[in-house]
């Protein structure tokens, strides 16, 4: 019976360990996790809420959006932006000291690629 479980367990262990290497290989500003759900693309950053708010607003402007609203609290922040065609929502949530989650939604239904491009601009500014 032991032989039947050996290979599947080895494969699972290899998959889990390979995921850890991807996170360790991340840059200093990016925690390395991505999630796309219900039109929101989420990513963790090693940065403060305040610095991430500024980087997010500038990233939206870099992408051609007008920032229409910004709000800041010590544990969360928001950026709202738009152009003639679509709206952008950026939500920033404090996770732990020096770590935040940034969730971006572009358009009513969500645009994964446009959200990814804004995330890349945020990363550049952090």
C-alpha atoms as a PDB file:
ATOM      1  CA  UNK A   1       0.000   0.000   0.000  1.00  0.00           C
ATOM      2  CA  UNK A   2       2.842   2.414   0.689  1.00  0.00           C
ATOM      3  CA  UNK A   3       3.939   2.506  -2.942  1.00  0.00           C
ATOM      4  CA  UNK A   4       0.529   3.715  -4.070  1.00  0.00           C
ATOM      5  CA  UNK A   5       0.762   6.867  -1.956  1.00  0.00           C
ATOM      6  CA  UNK A   6       4.457   7.600  -2.489  1.00  0.00           C
ATOM      7  CA  UNK A   7       4.304   9.057  -5.996  1.00  0.00           C
ATOM      8  CA  UNK A   8       1.237  11.298  -5.464  1.00  0.00           C
ATOM      9  CA  UNK A   9       2.721  12.647  -2.225  1.00  0.00           C
ATOM     10  CA  UNK A  10       6.015  13.342  -3.965  1.00  0.00           C
ATOM     11  CA  UNK A  11       4.215  15.239  -6.757  1.00  0.00           C
ATOM     12  CA  UNK A  12       2.216  17.316  -4.265  1.00  0.00           C
ATOM     13  CA  UNK A  13       5.382  18.147  -2.313  1.00  0.00           C
ATOM     14  CA  UNK A  14       7.157  19.228  -5.517  1.00  0.00           C
ATOM     15  CA  UNK A  15       4.263  21.514  -6.478  1.00  0.00           C
ATOM     16  CA  UNK A  16       4.138  23.116  -3.040  1.00  0.00           C
ATOM     17  CA  UNK A  17       7.876  23.694  -2.921  1.00  0.00           C
ATOM     18  CA  UNK A  18       8.016  25.163  -6.415  1.00  0.00           C
ATOM     19  CA  UNK A  19       5.377  27.745  -5.406  1.00  0.00           C
ATOM     20  CA  UNK A  20       7.517  28.851  -2.470  1.00  0.00           C
ATOM     21  CA  UNK A  21      10.457  29.492  -4.770  1.00  0.00           C
ATOM     22  CA  UNK A  22       8.324  31.851  -6.862  1.00  0.00           C
ATOM     23  CA  UNK A  23       7.387  33.897  -3.808  1.00  0.00           C
ATOM     24  CA  UNK A  24      10.975  34.046  -2.522  1.00  0.00           C
ATOM     25  CA  UNK A  25      12.169  35.205  -5.943  1.00  0.00           C
ATOM     26  CA  UNK A  26       9.834  38.252  -5.851  1.00  0.00           C
ATOM     27  CA  UNK A  27      11.130  41.817  -5.774  1.00  0.00           C
ATOM     28  CA  UNK A  28      11.459  43.885  -2.617  1.00  0.00           C
ATOM     29  CA  UNK A  29       8.236  45.849  -3.212  1.00  0.00           C
ATOM     30  CA  UNK A  30       6.013  42.961  -4.309  1.00  0.00           C
ATOM     31  CA  UNK A  31       4.892  40.150  -2.074  1.00  0.00           C
ATOM     32  CA  UNK A  32       4.327  37.910  -5.100  1.00  0.00           C
ATOM     33  CA  UNK A  33       0.690  36.867  -4.717  1.00  0.00           C
ATOM     34  CA  UNK A  34      -1.967  37.588  -7.356  1.00  0.00           C
ATOM     35  CA  UNK A  35      -5.675  36.817  -7.275  1.00  0.00           C
ATOM     36  CA  UNK A  36      -8.388  37.643  -9.828  1.00  0.00           C
ATOM     37  CA  UNK A  37     -11.946  37.288  -8.586  1.00  0.00           C
ATOM     38  CA  UNK A  38     -15.211  38.951  -9.561  1.00  0.00           C
ATOM     39  CA  UNK A  39     -13.431  41.511 -11.749  1.00  0.00           C
ATOM     40  CA  UNK A  40     -10.897  42.533  -9.073  1.00  0.00           C
ATOM     41  CA  UNK A  41      -7.175  41.831  -9.467  1.00  0.00           C
ATOM     42  CA  UNK A  42      -5.488  41.711  -6.053  1.00  0.00           C
ATOM     43  CA  UNK A  43      -1.802  41.813  -5.261  1.00  0.00           C
ATOM     44  CA  UNK A  44       0.236  42.278  -2.089  1.00  0.00           C
ATOM     45  CA  UNK A  45       2.991  44.875  -1.752  1.00  0.00           C
ATOM     46  CA  UNK A  46       5.622  45.529   0.899  1.00  0.00           C
ATOM     47  CA  UNK A  47       4.807  49.221   1.401  1.00  0.00           C
ATOM     48  CA  UNK A  48       2.823  51.551   3.622  1.00  0.00           C
ATOM     49  CA  UNK A  49      -0.791  52.499   2.912  1.00  0.00           C
ATOM     50  CA  UNK A  50       0.213  56.138   2.360  1.00  0.00           C
ATOM     51  CA  UNK A  51       3.025  55.360  -0.121  1.00  0.00           C
ATOM     52  CA  UNK A  52       0.808  52.887  -1.963  1.00  0.00           C
ATOM     53  CA  UNK A  53      -1.981  55.474  -2.217  1.00  0.00           C
ATOM     54  CA  UNK A  54       0.383  57.948  -3.858  1.00  0.00           C
ATOM     55  CA  UNK A  55       1.827  55.292  -6.190  1.00  0.00           C
ATOM     56  CA  UNK A  56      -1.692  54.153  -7.155  1.00  0.00           C
ATOM     57  CA  UNK A  57      -2.903  57.656  -8.005  1.00  0.00           C
ATOM     58  CA  UNK A  58       0.203  58.312 -10.111  1.00  0.00           C
ATOM     59  CA  UNK A  59      -0.143  54.914 -11.808  1.00  0.00           C
ATOM     60  CA  UNK A  60      -3.710  55.749 -12.841  1.00  0.00           C
ATOM     61  CA  UNK A  61      -2.533  59.079 -14.252  1.00  0.00           C
ATOM     62  CA  UNK A  62       0.302  57.300 -16.090  1.00  0.00           C
ATOM     63  CA  UNK A  63      -2.331  55.094 -17.740  1.00  0.00           C
ATOM     64  CA  UNK A  64      -4.344  58.106 -18.923  1.00  0.00           C
ATOM     65  CA  UNK A  65      -7.031  58.180 -16.227  1.00  0.00           C
ATOM     66  CA  UNK A  66      -8.162  61.289 -14.313  1.00  0.00           C
ATOM     67  CA  UNK A  67      -8.135  60.780 -10.554  1.00  0.00           C
ATOM     68  CA  UNK A  68     -11.584  61.840  -9.350  1.00  0.00           C
ATOM     69  CA  UNK A  69     -11.349  60.872  -5.677  1.00  0.00           C
ATOM     70  CA  UNK A  70      -8.782  59.802  -3.087  1.00  0.00           C
ATOM     71  CA  UNK A  71      -9.353  58.837   0.518  1.00  0.00           C
ATOM     72  CA  UNK A  72      -6.900  57.853   3.224  1.00  0.00           C
ATOM     73  CA  UNK A  73      -7.219  56.183   6.603  1.00  0.00           C
ATOM     74  CA  UNK A  74      -4.297  54.599   8.476  1.00  0.00           C
ATOM     75  CA  UNK A  75      -5.501  51.077   7.616  1.00  0.00           C
ATOM     76  CA  UNK A  76      -7.107  51.621   4.195  1.00  0.00           C
ATOM     77  CA  UNK A  77      -7.215  53.946   1.229  1.00  0.00           C
ATOM     78  CA  UNK A  78      -9.061  54.327  -2.076  1.00  0.00           C
ATOM     79  CA  UNK A  79      -8.408  55.874  -5.457  1.00  0.00           C
ATOM     80  CA  UNK A  80     -11.175  56.457  -7.977  1.00  0.00           C
ATOM     81  CA  UNK A  81     -10.293  57.406 -11.535  1.00  0.00           C
ATOM     82  CA  UNK A  82     -11.878  57.477 -14.965  1.00  0.00           C
ATOM     83  CA  UNK A  83     -11.427  58.336 -18.587  1.00  0.00           C
ATOM     84  CA  UNK A  84     -14.044  58.824 -21.310  1.00  0.00           C
ATOM     85  CA  UNK A  85     -14.637  55.071 -21.592  1.00  0.00           C
ATOM     86  CA  UNK A  86     -14.313  53.444 -18.165  1.00  0.00           C
ATOM     87  CA  UNK A  87     -13.873  53.816 -14.434  1.00  0.00           C
ATOM     88  CA  UNK A  88     -11.112  52.498 -12.191  1.00  0.00           C
ATOM     89  CA  UNK A  89     -11.431  51.488  -8.555  1.00  0.00           C
ATOM     90  CA  UNK A  90      -8.290  50.953  -6.459  1.00  0.00           C
ATOM     91  CA  UNK A  91      -8.753  49.698  -2.897  1.00  0.00           C
ATOM     92  CA  UNK A  92      -5.748  49.503  -0.561  1.00  0.00           C
ATOM     93  CA  UNK A  93      -5.979  47.506   2.667  1.00  0.00           C
ATOM     94  CA  UNK A  94      -3.401  47.268   5.446  1.00  0.00           C
ATOM     95  CA  UNK A  95      -2.445  43.660   6.221  1.00  0.00           C
ATOM     96  CA  UNK A  96       0.507  43.984   8.597  1.00  0.00           C
ATOM     97  CA  UNK A  97       3.194  46.575   9.283  1.00  0.00           C
ATOM     98  CA  UNK A  98       4.724  47.389   5.907  1.00  0.00           C
ATOM     99  CA  UNK A  99       2.379  45.151   3.906  1.00  0.00           C
ATOM    100  CA  UNK A 100      -0.782  46.059   1.980  1.00  0.00           C
ATOM    101  CA  UNK A 101      -3.177  44.409  -0.447  1.00  0.00           C
ATOM    102  CA  UNK A 102      -4.139  46.410  -3.527  1.00  0.00           C
ATOM    103  CA  UNK A 103      -7.343  45.423  -5.364  1.00  0.00           C
ATOM    104  CA  UNK A 104      -7.989  46.996  -8.774  1.00  0.00           C
ATOM    105  CA  UNK A 105     -11.093  46.875 -10.934  1.00  0.00           C
ATOM    106  CA  UNK A 106     -11.192  48.487 -14.363  1.00  0.00           C
ATOM    107  CA  UNK A 107     -14.652  48.863 -15.894  1.00  0.00           C
ATOM    108  CA  UNK A 108     -17.959  47.558 -14.565  1.00  0.00           C
ATOM    109  CA  UNK A 109     -17.184  43.929 -15.384  1.00  0.00           C
ATOM    110  CA  UNK A 110     -13.454  44.052 -14.697  1.00  0.00           C
ATOM    111  CA  UNK A 111     -10.579  44.031 -17.167  1.00  0.00           C
ATOM    112  CA  UNK A 112      -7.807  41.738 -15.973  1.00  0.00           C
ATOM    113  CA  UNK A 113      -5.152  42.997 -18.397  1.00  0.00           C
ATOM    114  CA  UNK A 114      -5.829  46.684 -17.724  1.00  0.00           C
ATOM    115  CA  UNK A 115      -5.736  45.974 -13.981  1.00  0.00           C
ATOM    116  CA  UNK A 116      -2.431  44.144 -14.408  1.00  0.00           C
ATOM    117  CA  UNK A 117      -0.951  47.133 -16.255  1.00  0.00           C
ATOM    118  CA  UNK A 118      -1.933  49.476 -13.422  1.00  0.00           C
ATOM    119  CA  UNK A 119      -0.377  47.054 -10.931  1.00  0.00           C
ATOM    120  CA  UNK A 120       2.854  47.140 -12.929  1.00  0.00           C
ATOM    121  CA  UNK A 121       2.859  50.955 -12.785  1.00  0.00           C
ATOM    122  CA  UNK A 122       2.273  50.837  -9.031  1.00  0.00           C
ATOM    123  CA  UNK A 123       5.193  48.435  -8.656  1.00  0.00           C
ATOM    124  CA  UNK A 124       7.437  50.776 -10.661  1.00  0.00           C
ATOM    125  CA  UNK A 125       6.522  53.707  -8.403  1.00  0.00           C
ATOM    126  CA  UNK A 126       7.068  51.801  -5.174  1.00  0.00           C
END
